[in-house]
Amino acid sequence: MASEERPRAVLAAAGLIFGVALVGLIKDRLALDNRYAIGPVSVALGVLPQQLEDHRGRLLAGYPLVAGPRSIFDSALPGDLQRELLQLPWVASVSNLRRRLPDGFRVDVTLRTPVAVVCIGDERLAVDREGVVLESDAEFRPPECPEIHLIGEVVETVPVDGMRFRRASVLEALAVLADLEAPRREGHAAFDSCVLDAVLVGRKGKNRRAGSADIDLLLDNGVQVAWGRSSRSPLHVFELPTSRKLDHLERLCRTYPGLLGIERVDLRFEDPMVWTRS
């Protein structure tokens, strides 16, 4: 009985070795077949979010990702493609890389969303909610993205595209925008007549300390709103909740339609203060 099974085991082992060798041979042949070669012109990103302007979409879609023709059966190609995509400042994550015969790859790409434009001197840097610089372009301003201005703060160097802001003033401004995101999405009445144009951090002529209650909002009608601290500040527990500040702003908008004649509003306290234009 054992003597009969031994030849079968030998044949099975030989068949397995032959199969592995055959698969390797086929892969080598396919790797050399130009019909399955992928090059820079073969790689493109698919549908982009509507919020990205056309020229932004063309920049991403036309980015060459593969240097020279390579076979889609190249085992190193998926990893190389993923690493190159992740080097693009706009790309947050890459997943589900899969071959598409005869000469393509399908990739799921999650793009970063611009939430503000940080203005430092002549620099205008579009950033996402984490402070990652998506693009440095003096003429670029994504729709519905307010500007961030650092008042009285000397900034000698700024992050390059793809790097993250570490400066506390920028991160606190982004935290304020994050605090406003949910009420805006839920349709708080304050946003019916108030459009945020910029976030101002700091005071002219004063050295700013991180966590200070010196963040203002500039509305598109020119009204400056003293907002206070961001939720990133360790002292934010002493601040009025965002919802309460917005309730006060909404009531002021009803009292002064369109905030006409108003120069400045202070929402940092339970009783808002109002300065009218002289």
C-alpha atoms as a PDB file:
ATOM      1  CA  MET A   1       0.000   0.000   0.000  1.00  0.00           C
ATOM      2  CA  ALA A   2       2.803   2.412   0.971  1.00  0.00           C
ATOM      3  CA  SER A   3       4.748   1.425  -2.142  1.00  0.00           C
ATOM      4  CA  GLU A   4       1.762   2.411  -4.309  1.00  0.00           C
ATOM      5  CA  GLU A   5       1.351   5.841  -2.691  1.00  0.00           C
ATOM      6  CA  ARG A   6       5.014   6.767  -3.016  1.00  0.00           C
ATOM      7  CA  PRO A   7       4.931   7.178  -6.830  1.00  0.00           C
ATOM      8  CA  ARG A   8       1.765   9.255  -6.509  1.00  0.00           C
ATOM      9  CA  ALA A   9       3.453  11.558  -4.010  1.00  0.00           C
ATOM     10  CA  VAL A  10       6.441  11.898  -6.306  1.00  0.00           C
ATOM     11  CA  LEU A  11       4.165  12.679  -9.270  1.00  0.00           C
ATOM     12  CA  ALA A  12       2.214  15.226  -7.198  1.00  0.00           C
ATOM     13  CA  ALA A  13       5.420  16.944  -6.104  1.00  0.00           C
ATOM     14  CA  ALA A  14       6.713  16.969  -9.660  1.00  0.00           C
ATOM     15  CA  GLY A  15       3.405  18.383 -10.862  1.00  0.00           C
ATOM     16  CA  LEU A  16       3.532  21.120  -8.257  1.00  0.00           C
ATOM     17  CA  ILE A  17       7.088  22.085  -9.176  1.00  0.00           C
ATOM     18  CA  PHE A  18       6.158  22.078 -12.868  1.00  0.00           C
ATOM     19  CA  GLY A  19       3.080  24.226 -12.169  1.00  0.00           C
ATOM     20  CA  VAL A  20       5.066  26.782 -10.213  1.00  0.00           C
ATOM     21  CA  ALA A  21       7.714  26.898 -12.929  1.00  0.00           C
ATOM     22  CA  LEU A  22       5.028  27.264 -15.593  1.00  0.00           C
ATOM     23  CA  VAL A  23       3.361  30.138 -13.748  1.00  0.00           C
ATOM     24  CA  GLY A  24       6.713  31.863 -13.373  1.00  0.00           C
ATOM     25  CA  LEU A  25       7.459  31.360 -17.059  1.00  0.00           C
ATOM     26  CA  ILE A  26       4.065  32.766 -18.051  1.00  0.00           C
ATOM     27  CA  LYS A  27       4.544  35.800 -15.802  1.00  0.00           C
ATOM     28  CA  ASP A  28       7.993  36.413 -17.264  1.00  0.00           C
ATOM     29  CA  ARG A  29       6.607  36.173 -20.783  1.00  0.00           C
ATOM     30  CA  LEU A  30       3.711  38.510 -19.949  1.00  0.00           C
ATOM     31  CA  ALA A  31       6.125  40.965 -18.353  1.00  0.00           C
ATOM     32  CA  LEU A  32       7.981  41.178 -21.656  1.00  0.00           C
ATOM     33  CA  ASP A  33       4.804  41.486 -23.727  1.00  0.00           C
ATOM     34  CA  ASN A  34       4.313  45.113 -24.822  1.00  0.00           C
ATOM     35  CA  ARG A  35       0.574  44.594 -24.870  1.00  0.00           C
ATOM     36  CA  TYR A  36       0.636  44.602 -21.058  1.00  0.00           C
ATOM     37  CA  ALA A  37       3.028  47.522 -20.658  1.00  0.00           C
ATOM     38  CA  ILE A  38       1.950  50.591 -18.734  1.00  0.00           C
ATOM     39  CA  GLY A  39       3.613  53.974 -19.071  1.00  0.00           C
ATOM     40  CA  PRO A  40       3.103  57.592 -17.990  1.00  0.00           C
ATOM     41  CA  VAL A  41       0.400  58.221 -20.573  1.00  0.00           C
ATOM     42  CA  SER A  42      -1.552  55.209 -19.316  1.00  0.00           C
ATOM     43  CA  VAL A  43      -1.982  56.537 -15.774  1.00  0.00           C
ATOM     44  CA  ALA A  44      -4.741  59.010 -14.967  1.00  0.00           C
ATOM     45  CA  LEU A  45      -6.969  59.821 -12.028  1.00  0.00           C
ATOM     46  CA  GLY A  46     -10.695  59.374 -12.417  1.00  0.00           C
ATOM     47  CA  VAL A  47     -13.569  61.621 -11.395  1.00  0.00           C
ATOM     48  CA  LEU A  48     -12.469  64.496  -9.153  1.00  0.00           C
ATOM     49  CA  PRO A  49     -14.582  66.365  -6.591  1.00  0.00           C
ATOM     50  CA  GLN A  50     -16.602  69.216  -8.053  1.00  0.00           C
ATOM     51  CA  GLN A  51     -15.011  71.661  -5.626  1.00  0.00           C
ATOM     52  CA  LEU A  52     -11.681  71.351  -7.438  1.00  0.00           C
ATOM     53  CA  GLU A  53     -11.369  73.784 -10.285  1.00  0.00           C
ATOM     54  CA  ASP A  54     -10.793  72.492 -13.808  1.00  0.00           C
ATOM     55  CA  HIS A  55      -7.119  73.379 -13.954  1.00  0.00           C
ATOM     56  CA  ARG A  56      -6.596  71.662 -10.601  1.00  0.00           C
ATOM     57  CA  GLY A  57      -8.239  68.532 -11.949  1.00  0.00           C
ATOM     58  CA  ARG A  58      -6.117  68.571 -15.084  1.00  0.00           C
ATOM     59  CA  LEU A  59      -2.973  68.908 -12.983  1.00  0.00           C
ATOM     60  CA  LEU A  60      -3.861  65.823 -10.952  1.00  0.00           C
ATOM     61  CA  ALA A  61      -5.183  63.774 -13.831  1.00  0.00           C
ATOM     62  CA  GLY A  62      -2.152  64.415 -16.011  1.00  0.00           C
ATOM     63  CA  TYR A  63       0.504  63.697 -13.410  1.00  0.00           C
ATOM     64  CA  PRO A  64       2.987  61.094 -14.738  1.00  0.00           C
ATOM     65  CA  LEU A  65       3.285  58.339 -12.174  1.00  0.00           C
ATOM     66  CA  VAL A  66       5.234  55.562 -13.868  1.00  0.00           C
ATOM     67  CA  ALA A  67       8.675  56.271 -15.299  1.00  0.00           C
ATOM     68  CA  GLY A  68       9.074  54.290 -18.487  1.00  0.00           C
ATOM     69  CA  PRO A  69       7.047  51.320 -19.753  1.00  0.00           C
ATOM     70  CA  ARG A  70       6.484  48.646 -17.113  1.00  0.00           C
ATOM     71  CA  SER A  71       4.423  45.516 -17.199  1.00  0.00           C
ATOM     72  CA  ILE A  72       1.235  45.500 -15.162  1.00  0.00           C
ATOM     73  CA  PHE A  73       2.394  42.070 -13.974  1.00  0.00           C
ATOM     74  CA  ASP A  74       5.491  43.634 -12.387  1.00  0.00           C
ATOM     75  CA  SER A  75       5.101  42.650  -8.722  1.00  0.00           C
ATOM     76  CA  ALA A  76       6.744  45.887  -7.541  1.00  0.00           C
ATOM     77  CA  LEU A  77       4.478  48.135  -9.612  1.00  0.00           C
ATOM     78  CA  PRO A  78       1.489  48.408  -7.194  1.00  0.00           C
ATOM     79  CA  GLY A  79       3.718  49.491  -4.313  1.00  0.00           C
ATOM     80  CA  ASP A  80       5.617  51.965  -6.490  1.00  0.00           C
ATOM     81  CA  LEU A  81       2.377  53.400  -7.829  1.00  0.00           C
ATOM     82  CA  GLN A  82       0.959  53.811  -4.326  1.00  0.00           C
ATOM     83  CA  ARG A  83       4.107  55.551  -3.059  1.00  0.00           C
ATOM     84  CA  GLU A  84       4.157  57.970  -5.999  1.00  0.00           C
ATOM     85  CA  LEU A  85       0.486  58.838  -5.565  1.00  0.00           C
ATOM     86  CA  LEU A  86       0.977  59.509  -1.854  1.00  0.00           C
ATOM     87  CA  GLN A  87       3.701  62.024  -2.706  1.00  0.00           C
ATOM     88  CA  LEU A  88       1.061  64.261  -4.321  1.00  0.00           C
ATOM     89  CA  PRO A  89       0.021  66.911  -1.759  1.00  0.00           C
ATOM     90  CA  TRP A  90      -3.654  66.559  -2.697  1.00  0.00           C
ATOM     91  CA  VAL A  91      -3.729  62.782  -2.078  1.00  0.00           C
ATOM     92  CA  ALA A  92      -4.724  61.658   1.430  1.00  0.00           C
ATOM     93  CA  SER A  93      -4.878  57.894   0.913  1.00  0.00           C
ATOM     94  CA  VAL A  94      -4.633  55.205  -1.764  1.00  0.00           C
ATOM     95  CA  SER A  95      -6.386  51.842  -1.666  1.00  0.00           C
ATOM     96  CA  ASN A  96      -7.677  48.938  -3.754  1.00  0.00           C
ATOM     97  CA  LEU A  97      -4.978  48.882  -6.416  1.00  0.00           C
ATOM     98  CA  ARG A  98      -6.036  46.333  -9.018  1.00  0.00           C
ATOM     99  CA  ARG A  99      -4.915  45.457 -12.519  1.00  0.00           C
ATOM    100  CA  ARG A 100      -7.120  46.254 -15.482  1.00  0.00           C
ATOM    101  CA  LEU A 101      -6.154  44.283 -18.555  1.00  0.00           C
ATOM    102  CA  PRO A 102      -4.491  44.811 -20.872  1.00  0.00           C
ATOM    103  CA  ASP A 103      -2.513  47.882 -19.809  1.00  0.00           C
ATOM    104  CA  GLY A 104      -4.033  49.652 -16.816  1.00  0.00           C
ATOM    105  CA  PHE A 105      -4.496  49.858 -13.066  1.00  0.00           C
ATOM    106  CA  ARG A 106      -7.591  50.926 -11.182  1.00  0.00           C
ATOM    107  CA  VAL A 107      -6.904  52.794  -7.955  1.00  0.00           C
ATOM    108  CA  ASP A 108      -9.182  54.302  -5.303  1.00  0.00           C
ATOM    109  CA  VAL A 109      -7.776  57.699  -4.291  1.00  0.00           C
ATOM    110  CA  THR A 110      -9.057  59.872  -1.442  1.00  0.00           C
ATOM    111  CA  LEU A 111      -8.202  63.543  -1.959  1.00  0.00           C
ATOM    112  CA  ARG A 112      -7.647  66.141   0.727  1.00  0.00           C
ATOM    113  CA  THR A 113     -10.245  68.906   0.998  1.00  0.00           C
ATOM    114  CA  PRO A 114      -9.080  72.541   1.100  1.00  0.00           C
ATOM    115  CA  VAL A 115     -10.686  74.446   3.986  1.00  0.00           C
ATOM    116  CA  ALA A 116      -8.722  77.711   4.075  1.00  0.00           C
ATOM    117  CA  VAL A 117      -6.027  79.811   2.421  1.00  0.00           C
ATOM    118  CA  VAL A 118      -3.235  80.931   4.751  1.00  0.00           C
ATOM    119  CA  CYS A 119      -1.939  84.355   3.717  1.00  0.00           C
ATOM    120  CA  ILE A 120       1.630  85.151   4.753  1.00  0.00           C
ATOM    121  CA  GLY A 121       3.161  88.092   2.925  1.00  0.00           C
ATOM    122  CA  ASP A 122       2.803  87.354  -0.776  1.00  0.00           C
ATOM    123  CA  GLU A 123       2.276  83.656  -0.083  1.00  0.00           C
ATOM    124  CA  ARG A 124      -1.198  82.148  -0.346  1.00  0.00           C
ATOM    125  CA  LEU A 125      -1.231  78.547   0.777  1.00  0.00           C
ATOM    126  CA  ALA A 126      -4.319  76.362   0.411  1.00  0.00           C
ATOM    127  CA  VAL A 127      -4.500  73.990   3.398  1.00  0.00           C
ATOM    128  CA  ASP A 128      -6.731  71.144   4.535  1.00  0.00           C
ATOM    129  CA  ARG A 129      -8.227  70.741   8.029  1.00  0.00           C
ATOM    130  CA  GLU A 130      -4.970  69.218   9.319  1.00  0.00           C
ATOM    131  CA  GLY A 131      -2.887  72.136   8.086  1.00  0.00           C
ATOM    132  CA  VAL A 132      -1.302  70.243   5.183  1.00  0.00           C
ATOM    133  CA  VAL A 133      -0.309  72.634   2.386  1.00  0.00           C
ATOM    134  CA  LEU A 134      -2.064  71.463  -0.767  1.00  0.00           C
ATOM    135  CA  GLU A 135      -0.801  74.186  -3.019  1.00  0.00           C
ATOM    136  CA  SER A 136       1.113  77.447  -2.960  1.00  0.00           C
ATOM    137  CA  ASP A 137      -0.492  79.689  -5.550  1.00  0.00           C
ATOM    138  CA  ALA A 138      -1.090  83.413  -5.132  1.00  0.00           C
ATOM    139  CA  GLU A 139      -4.147  83.267  -7.411  1.00  0.00           C
ATOM    140  CA  PHE A 140      -5.686  80.083  -6.059  1.00  0.00           C
ATOM    141  CA  ARG A 141      -8.588  80.257  -3.637  1.00  0.00           C
ATOM    142  CA  PRO A 142     -10.923  77.265  -3.408  1.00  0.00           C
ATOM    143  CA  PRO A 143     -14.627  78.115  -3.258  1.00  0.00           C
ATOM    144  CA  GLU A 144     -16.047  78.778   0.209  1.00  0.00           C
ATOM    145  CA  CYS A 145     -12.579  78.738   1.775  1.00  0.00           C
ATOM    146  CA  PRO A 146     -11.875  81.721   4.046  1.00  0.00           C
ATOM    147  CA  GLU A 147      -8.444  83.252   4.372  1.00  0.00           C
ATOM    148  CA  ILE A 148      -6.309  83.013   7.516  1.00  0.00           C
ATOM    149  CA  HIS A 149      -4.245  86.086   8.442  1.00  0.00           C
ATOM    150  CA  LEU A 150      -1.619  86.170  11.190  1.00  0.00           C
ATOM    151  CA  ILE A 151      -1.685  89.702  12.614  1.00  0.00           C
ATOM    152  CA  GLY A 152       1.622  91.094  13.856  1.00  0.00           C
ATOM    153  CA  GLU A 153       3.333  87.713  13.583  1.00  0.00           C
ATOM    154  CA  VAL A 154       6.659  87.364  11.783  1.00  0.00           C
ATOM    155  CA  VAL A 155       6.833  84.147   9.778  1.00  0.00           C
ATOM    156  CA  GLU A 156      10.248  83.547   8.269  1.00  0.00           C
ATOM    157  CA  THR A 157       9.590  80.189   6.602  1.00  0.00           C
ATOM    158  CA  VAL A 158       6.442  78.480   5.395  1.00  0.00           C
ATOM    159  CA  PRO A 159       5.880  74.771   4.695  1.00  0.00           C
ATOM    160  CA  VAL A 160       6.288  73.556   1.136  1.00  0.00           C
ATOM    161  CA  ASP A 161       3.498  71.733  -0.664  1.00  0.00           C
ATOM    162  CA  GLY A 162       2.674  68.464   1.058  1.00  0.00           C
ATOM    163  CA  MET A 163       4.062  69.535   4.446  1.00  0.00           C
ATOM    164  CA  ARG A 164       1.995  70.430   7.511  1.00  0.00           C
ATOM    165  CA  PHE A 165       1.807  73.753   9.357  1.00  0.00           C
ATOM    166  CA  ARG A 166       3.058  73.411  12.935  1.00  0.00           C
ATOM    167  CA  ARG A 167       2.495  77.030  13.917  1.00  0.00           C
ATOM    168  CA  ALA A 168      -0.044  77.279  16.757  1.00  0.00           C
ATOM    169  CA  SER A 169      -1.783  80.339  15.319  1.00  0.00           C
ATOM    170  CA  VAL A 170      -2.609  78.537  12.067  1.00  0.00           C
ATOM    171  CA  LEU A 171      -3.776  75.380  13.852  1.00  0.00           C
ATOM    172  CA  GLU A 172      -5.992  77.414  16.198  1.00  0.00           C
ATOM    173  CA  ALA A 173      -7.574  79.219  13.248  1.00  0.00           C
ATOM    174  CA  LEU A 174      -8.265  75.851  11.621  1.00  0.00           C
ATOM    175  CA  ALA A 175      -9.804  74.656  14.895  1.00  0.00           C
ATOM    176  CA  VAL A 176     -12.212  77.603  14.835  1.00  0.00           C
ATOM    177  CA  LEU A 177     -13.216  76.684  11.283  1.00  0.00           C
ATOM    178  CA  ALA A 178     -13.721  73.095  12.393  1.00  0.00           C
ATOM    179  CA  ASP A 179     -15.956  74.306  15.250  1.00  0.00           C
ATOM    180  CA  LEU A 180     -18.085  76.222  12.717  1.00  0.00           C
ATOM    181  CA  GLU A 181     -18.337  73.358  10.237  1.00  0.00           C
ATOM    182  CA  ALA A 182     -21.119  71.369  11.918  1.00  0.00           C
ATOM    183  CA  PRO A 183     -23.411  74.367  12.654  1.00  0.00           C
ATOM    184  CA  ARG A 184     -22.971  75.556   9.059  1.00  0.00           C
ATOM    185  CA  ARG A 185     -23.774  72.103   7.711  1.00  0.00           C
ATOM    186  CA  GLU A 186     -26.824  71.864   9.976  1.00  0.00           C
ATOM    187  CA  GLY A 187     -28.080  75.235   8.731  1.00  0.00           C
ATOM    188  CA  HIS A 188     -27.679  77.498  11.764  1.00  0.00           C
ATOM    189  CA  ALA A 189     -29.615  80.710  11.130  1.00  0.00           C
ATOM    190  CA  ALA A 190     -26.521  82.878  11.724  1.00  0.00           C
ATOM    191  CA  PHE A 191     -25.155  81.719   8.375  1.00  0.00           C
ATOM    192  CA  ASP A 192     -28.255  82.928   6.532  1.00  0.00           C
ATOM    193  CA  SER A 193     -26.949  86.488   6.530  1.00  0.00           C
ATOM    194  CA  CYS A 194     -23.294  86.117   7.573  1.00  0.00           C
ATOM    195  CA  VAL A 195     -20.581  84.867   5.240  1.00  0.00           C
ATOM    196  CA  LEU A 196     -17.127  84.261   6.705  1.00  0.00           C
ATOM    197  CA  ASP A 197     -14.397  85.927   4.676  1.00  0.00           C
ATOM    198  CA  ALA A 198     -11.320  85.528   6.891  1.00  0.00           C
ATOM    199  CA  VAL A 199      -9.999  84.409  10.279  1.00  0.00           C
ATOM    200  CA  LEU A 200      -7.682  86.920  11.947  1.00  0.00           C
ATOM    201  CA  VAL A 201      -5.286  85.648  14.607  1.00  0.00           C
ATOM    202  CA  GLY A 202      -3.428  87.983  16.963  1.00  0.00           C
ATOM    203  CA  ARG A 203      -3.291  91.708  17.626  1.00  0.00           C
ATOM    204  CA  LYS A 204      -1.165  94.288  15.897  1.00  0.00           C
ATOM    205  CA  GLY A 205       1.842  95.276  17.999  1.00  0.00           C
ATOM    206  CA  LYS A 206       1.439  92.414  20.468  1.00  0.00           C
ATOM    207  CA  ASN A 207       3.455  89.243  20.828  1.00  0.00           C
ATOM    208  CA  ARG A 208       0.963  86.431  20.653  1.00  0.00           C
ATOM    209  CA  ARG A 209       0.903  83.514  23.098  1.00  0.00           C
ATOM    210  CA  ALA A 210      -0.583  80.213  21.995  1.00  0.00           C
ATOM    211  CA  GLY A 211      -4.144  79.749  23.223  1.00  0.00           C
ATOM    212  CA  SER A 212      -4.887  83.471  23.540  1.00  0.00           C
ATOM    213  CA  ALA A 213      -8.449  84.758  23.177  1.00  0.00           C
ATOM    214  CA  ASP A 214      -7.472  86.932  20.217  1.00  0.00           C
ATOM    215  CA  ILE A 215      -9.101  85.214  17.239  1.00  0.00           C
ATOM    216  CA  ASP A 216     -11.473  87.378  15.190  1.00  0.00           C
ATOM    217  CA  LEU A 217     -13.750  86.554  12.286  1.00  0.00           C
ATOM    218  CA  LEU A 218     -14.028  88.975   9.359  1.00  0.00           C
ATOM    219  CA  LEU A 219     -17.365  88.790   7.583  1.00  0.00           C
ATOM    220  CA  ASP A 220     -17.822  89.592   3.915  1.00  0.00           C
ATOM    221  CA  ASN A 221     -19.703  92.794   4.832  1.00  0.00           C
ATOM    222  CA  GLY A 222     -16.610  94.123   6.632  1.00  0.00           C
ATOM    223  CA  VAL A 223     -17.872  93.476  10.181  1.00  0.00           C
ATOM    224  CA  GLN A 224     -15.145  92.172  12.501  1.00  0.00           C
ATOM    225  CA  VAL A 225     -16.297  89.680  15.127  1.00  0.00           C
ATOM    226  CA  ALA A 226     -14.210  89.095  18.259  1.00  0.00           C
ATOM    227  CA  TRP A 227     -14.563  85.327  18.584  1.00  0.00           C
ATOM    228  CA  GLY A 228     -12.108  84.406  21.326  1.00  0.00           C
ATOM    229  CA  ARG A 229     -10.244  81.147  21.712  1.00  0.00           C
ATOM    230  CA  SER A 230     -10.268  78.047  19.577  1.00  0.00           C
ATOM    231  CA  SER A 231     -11.234  74.619  20.846  1.00  0.00           C
ATOM    232  CA  ARG A 232      -7.515  73.709  20.682  1.00  0.00           C
ATOM    233  CA  SER A 233      -6.743  76.166  23.462  1.00  0.00           C
ATOM    234  CA  PRO A 234      -6.343  74.607  26.923  1.00  0.00           C
ATOM    235  CA  LEU A 235      -8.425  77.541  28.205  1.00  0.00           C
ATOM    236  CA  HIS A 236     -11.332  76.974  25.808  1.00  0.00           C
ATOM    237  CA  VAL A 237     -13.384  75.599  28.737  1.00  0.00           C
ATOM    238  CA  PHE A 238     -13.809  79.204  29.875  1.00  0.00           C
ATOM    239  CA  GLU A 239     -15.238  80.203  26.484  1.00  0.00           C
ATOM    240  CA  LEU A 240     -18.874  80.363  25.511  1.00  0.00           C
ATOM    241  CA  PRO A 241     -19.836  77.335  23.390  1.00  0.00           C
ATOM    242  CA  THR A 242     -19.746  77.853  19.639  1.00  0.00           C
ATOM    243  CA  SER A 243     -23.515  77.381  19.445  1.00  0.00           C
ATOM    244  CA  ARG A 244     -24.081  80.151  22.010  1.00  0.00           C
ATOM    245  CA  LYS A 245     -21.857  82.590  20.119  1.00  0.00           C
ATOM    246  CA  LEU A 246     -23.709  81.823  16.897  1.00  0.00           C
ATOM    247  CA  ASP A 247     -27.054  82.327  18.653  1.00  0.00           C
ATOM    248  CA  HIS A 248     -25.877  85.773  19.800  1.00  0.00           C
ATOM    249  CA  LEU A 249     -24.714  86.589  16.257  1.00  0.00           C
ATOM    250  CA  GLU A 250     -28.039  85.499  14.789  1.00  0.00           C
ATOM    251  CA  ARG A 251     -29.946  87.729  17.233  1.00  0.00           C
ATOM    252  CA  LEU A 252     -27.719  90.673  16.337  1.00  0.00           C
ATOM    253  CA  CYS A 253     -28.444  90.035  12.653  1.00  0.00           C
ATOM    254  CA  ARG A 254     -32.167  90.273  13.431  1.00  0.00           C
ATOM    255  CA  THR A 255     -31.692  93.466  15.469  1.00  0.00           C
ATOM    256  CA  TYR A 256     -29.412  95.032  12.845  1.00  0.00           C
ATOM    257  CA  PRO A 257     -30.503  93.565   9.482  1.00  0.00           C
ATOM    258  CA  GLY A 258     -27.404  92.684   7.490  1.00  0.00           C
ATOM    259  CA  LEU A 259     -25.395  94.184  10.383  1.00  0.00           C
ATOM    260  CA  LEU A 260     -25.629  97.486   8.538  1.00  0.00           C
ATOM    261  CA  GLY A 261     -23.893 100.286  10.404  1.00  0.00           C
ATOM    262  CA  ILE A 262     -21.989  97.813  12.612  1.00  0.00           C
ATOM    263  CA  GLU A 263     -18.210  97.958  12.680  1.00  0.00           C
ATOM    264  CA  ARG A 264     -17.313  95.416  15.343  1.00  0.00           C
ATOM    265  CA  VAL A 265     -19.011  92.810  17.519  1.00  0.00           C
ATOM    266  CA  ASP A 266     -17.592  91.042  20.580  1.00  0.00           C
ATOM    267  CA  LEU A 267     -19.095  87.572  21.130  1.00  0.00           C
ATOM    268  CA  ARG A 268     -16.690  86.439  23.839  1.00  0.00           C
ATOM    269  CA  PHE A 269     -19.113  87.241  26.646  1.00  0.00           C
ATOM    270  CA  GLU A 270     -22.690  86.374  27.507  1.00  0.00           C
ATOM    271  CA  ASP A 271     -23.719  89.959  26.741  1.00  0.00           C
ATOM    272  CA  PRO A 272     -22.315  90.769  23.286  1.00  0.00           C
ATOM    273  CA  MET A 273     -20.830  94.203  22.735  1.00  0.00           C
ATOM    274  CA  VAL A 274     -21.487  96.173  19.563  1.00  0.00           C
ATOM    275  CA  TRP A 275     -19.583  99.102  18.041  1.00  0.00           C
ATOM    276  CA  THR A 276     -21.352 101.110  15.366  1.00  0.00           C
ATOM    277  CA  ARG A 277     -19.678 102.955  12.517  1.00  0.00           C
ATOM    278  CA  SER A 278     -19.147 106.647  13.192  1.00  0.00           C
END
